[in-house]
C-alpha atoms as a PDB file:
ATOM      1  CA  UNK A   1    -140.548-116.571 -32.483  1.00  0.00           C
ATOM      2  CA  UNK A   2    -144.151-117.453 -34.501  1.00  0.00           C
ATOM      3  CA  UNK A   3    -145.651-121.021 -33.280  1.00  0.00           C
ATOM      4  CA  UNK A   4    -143.696-122.306 -36.707  1.00  0.00           C
ATOM      5  CA  UNK A   5    -140.513-122.207 -35.123  1.00  0.00           C
ATOM      6  CA  UNK A   6    -141.876-123.591 -31.852  1.00  0.00           C
ATOM      7  CA  UNK A   7    -140.530-127.907 -31.780  1.00  0.00           C
ATOM      8  CA  UNK A   8    -143.244-129.827 -33.219  1.00  0.00           C
ATOM      9  CA  UNK A   9    -143.802-131.200 -29.735  1.00  0.00           C
ATOM     10  CA  UNK A  10    -144.146-128.241 -28.702  1.00  0.00           C
ATOM     11  CA  UNK A  11    -146.672-127.244 -31.146  1.00  0.00           C
ATOM     12  CA  UNK A  12    -148.686-130.528 -30.188  1.00  0.00           C
ATOM     13  CA  UNK A  13    -148.766-129.793 -26.861  1.00  0.00           C
ATOM     14  CA  UNK A  14    -149.482-126.154 -27.257  1.00  0.00           C
ATOM     15  CA  UNK A  15    -152.409-126.931 -29.180  1.00  0.00           C
ATOM     16  CA  UNK A  16    -153.723-130.067 -26.911  1.00  0.00           C
ATOM     17  CA  UNK A  17    -153.677-127.479 -24.135  1.00  0.00           C
ATOM     18  CA  UNK A  18    -155.600-124.817 -25.947  1.00  0.00           C
ATOM     19  CA  UNK A  19    -158.226-127.476 -26.885  1.00  0.00           C
ATOM     20  CA  UNK A  20    -158.822-128.168 -23.522  1.00  0.00           C
ATOM     21  CA  UNK A  21    -158.617-123.959 -21.984  1.00  0.00           C
ATOM     22  CA  UNK A  22    -161.288-123.519 -24.643  1.00  0.00           C
ATOM     23  CA  UNK A  23    -163.551-126.393 -24.046  1.00  0.00           C
ATOM     24  CA  UNK A  24    -166.846-126.076 -21.815  1.00  0.00           C
ATOM     25  CA  UNK A  25    -165.979-125.714 -18.548  1.00  0.00           C
ATOM     26  CA  UNK A  26    -167.564-128.042 -16.057  1.00  0.00           C
ATOM     27  CA  UNK A  27    -168.273-126.851 -12.083  1.00  0.00           C
ATOM     28  CA  UNK A  28    -166.800-129.950 -10.681  1.00  0.00           C
ATOM     29  CA  UNK A  29    -163.723-129.180  -8.166  1.00  0.00           C
ATOM     30  CA  UNK A  30    -161.215-131.431 -10.442  1.00  0.00           C
ATOM     31  CA  UNK A  31    -162.625-130.087 -13.873  1.00  0.00           C
ATOM     32  CA  UNK A  32    -161.501-126.292 -12.082  1.00  0.00           C
ATOM     33  CA  UNK A  33    -158.279-127.729 -10.246  1.00  0.00           C
ATOM     34  CA  UNK A  34    -156.912-129.193 -13.854  1.00  0.00           C
ATOM     35  CA  UNK A  35    -157.976-126.434 -15.739  1.00  0.00           C
ATOM     36  CA  UNK A  36    -155.862-124.089 -13.291  1.00  0.00           C
ATOM     37  CA  UNK A  37    -152.970-126.486 -13.961  1.00  0.00           C
ATOM     38  CA  UNK A  38    -153.288-126.542 -17.538  1.00  0.00           C
ATOM     39  CA  UNK A  39    -153.632-122.701 -17.908  1.00  0.00           C
ATOM     40  CA  UNK A  40    -150.190-122.543 -15.933  1.00  0.00           C
ATOM     41  CA  UNK A  41    -148.780-125.179 -17.956  1.00  0.00           C
ATOM     42  CA  UNK A  42    -149.935-123.369 -21.365  1.00  0.00           C
ATOM     43  CA  UNK A  43    -148.803-120.237 -20.459  1.00  0.00           C
ATOM     44  CA  UNK A  44    -145.177-121.503 -19.259  1.00  0.00           C
ATOM     45  CA  UNK A  45    -145.025-122.958 -22.892  1.00  0.00           C
ATOM     46  CA  UNK A  46    -146.137-120.104 -24.409  1.00  0.00           C
ATOM     47  CA  UNK A  47    -143.674-118.165 -22.501  1.00  0.00           C
ATOM     48  CA  UNK A  48    -140.800-120.054 -23.250  1.00  0.00           C
ATOM     49  CA  UNK A  49    -141.771-120.062 -27.042  1.00  0.00           C
ATOM     50  CA  UNK A  50    -141.634-116.539 -26.684  1.00  0.00           C
ATOM     51  CA  UNK A  51    -145.268-115.735 -28.152  1.00  0.00           C
ATOM     52  CA  UNK A  52    -146.376-113.096 -25.544  1.00  0.00           C
ATOM     53  CA  UNK A  53    -149.658-112.247 -28.042  1.00  0.00           C
ATOM     54  CA  UNK A  54    -151.124-115.779 -27.480  1.00  0.00           C
ATOM     55  CA  UNK A  55    -150.131-115.511 -23.856  1.00  0.00           C
ATOM     56  CA  UNK A  56    -152.537-112.385 -23.296  1.00  0.00           C
ATOM     57  CA  UNK A  57    -154.836-113.752 -25.746  1.00  0.00           C
ATOM     58  CA  UNK A  58    -154.821-116.862 -22.835  1.00  0.00           C
ATOM     59  CA  UNK A  59    -155.440-114.451 -20.112  1.00  0.00           C
ATOM     60  CA  UNK A  60    -158.312-112.334 -22.025  1.00  0.00           C
ATOM     61  CA  UNK A  61    -160.277-115.883 -23.003  1.00  0.00           C
ATOM     62  CA  UNK A  62    -159.750-117.272 -19.537  1.00  0.00           C
ATOM     63  CA  UNK A  63    -162.209-114.692 -17.700  1.00  0.00           C
ATOM     64  CA  UNK A  64    -164.796-116.642 -17.633  1.00  0.00           C
ATOM     65  CA  UNK A  65    -162.862-118.928 -15.416  1.00  0.00           C
ATOM     66  CA  UNK A  66    -161.969-116.747 -12.928  1.00  0.00           C
ATOM     67  CA  UNK A  67    -165.295-115.936 -12.209  1.00  0.00           C
ATOM     68  CA  UNK A  68    -165.692-119.202 -11.003  1.00  0.00           C
ATOM     69  CA  UNK A  69    -162.865-119.553  -8.914  1.00  0.00           C
ATOM     70  CA  UNK A  70    -162.946-116.591  -6.734  1.00  0.00           C
ATOM     71  CA  UNK A  71    -161.278-113.574  -6.675  1.00  0.00           C
ATOM     72  CA  UNK A  72    -158.005-114.000  -4.278  1.00  0.00           C
ATOM     73  CA  UNK A  73    -157.357-117.369  -5.850  1.00  0.00           C
ATOM     74  CA  UNK A  74    -158.075-115.301  -9.867  1.00  0.00           C
ATOM     75  CA  UNK A  75    -155.760-113.106  -8.848  1.00  0.00           C
ATOM     76  CA  UNK A  76    -152.962-114.825  -7.947  1.00  0.00           C
ATOM     77  CA  UNK A  77    -153.612-117.018 -11.466  1.00  0.00           C
ATOM     78  CA  UNK A  78    -153.594-113.841 -13.533  1.00  0.00           C
ATOM     79  CA  UNK A  79    -150.173-112.245 -11.478  1.00  0.00           C
ATOM     80  CA  UNK A  80    -148.527-115.565 -12.175  1.00  0.00           C
ATOM     81  CA  UNK A  81    -149.752-115.691 -16.027  1.00  0.00           C
ATOM     82  CA  UNK A  82    -148.716-111.819 -16.185  1.00  0.00           C
ATOM     83  CA  UNK A  83    -145.216-112.733 -14.897  1.00  0.00           C
ATOM     84  CA  UNK A  84    -144.457-115.463 -17.184  1.00  0.00           C
ATOM     85  CA  UNK A  85    -145.022-112.299 -19.527  1.00  0.00           C
ATOM     86  CA  UNK A  86    -142.536-110.650 -18.152  1.00  0.00           C
ATOM     87  CA  UNK A  87    -139.919-113.339 -18.501  1.00  0.00           C
END
């Protein structure tokens, strides 16, 4: 399934979440928490849309963020995103 096969609402949501995830990261606690929530939300949307390649790119492109959250938390987030790939 391609992004074109996704509903317009999902496409808009994917675009908005992707734009946020790719913006410059602030190191405040609020921004880190919001970024984590949006990463998981975007991962879920991409998984539901069967966009596994985009999900892999999301994991790869999020590496700078993972260095800010600590090893244990980064592993948990990555594991959750990988589990979404396996759905």
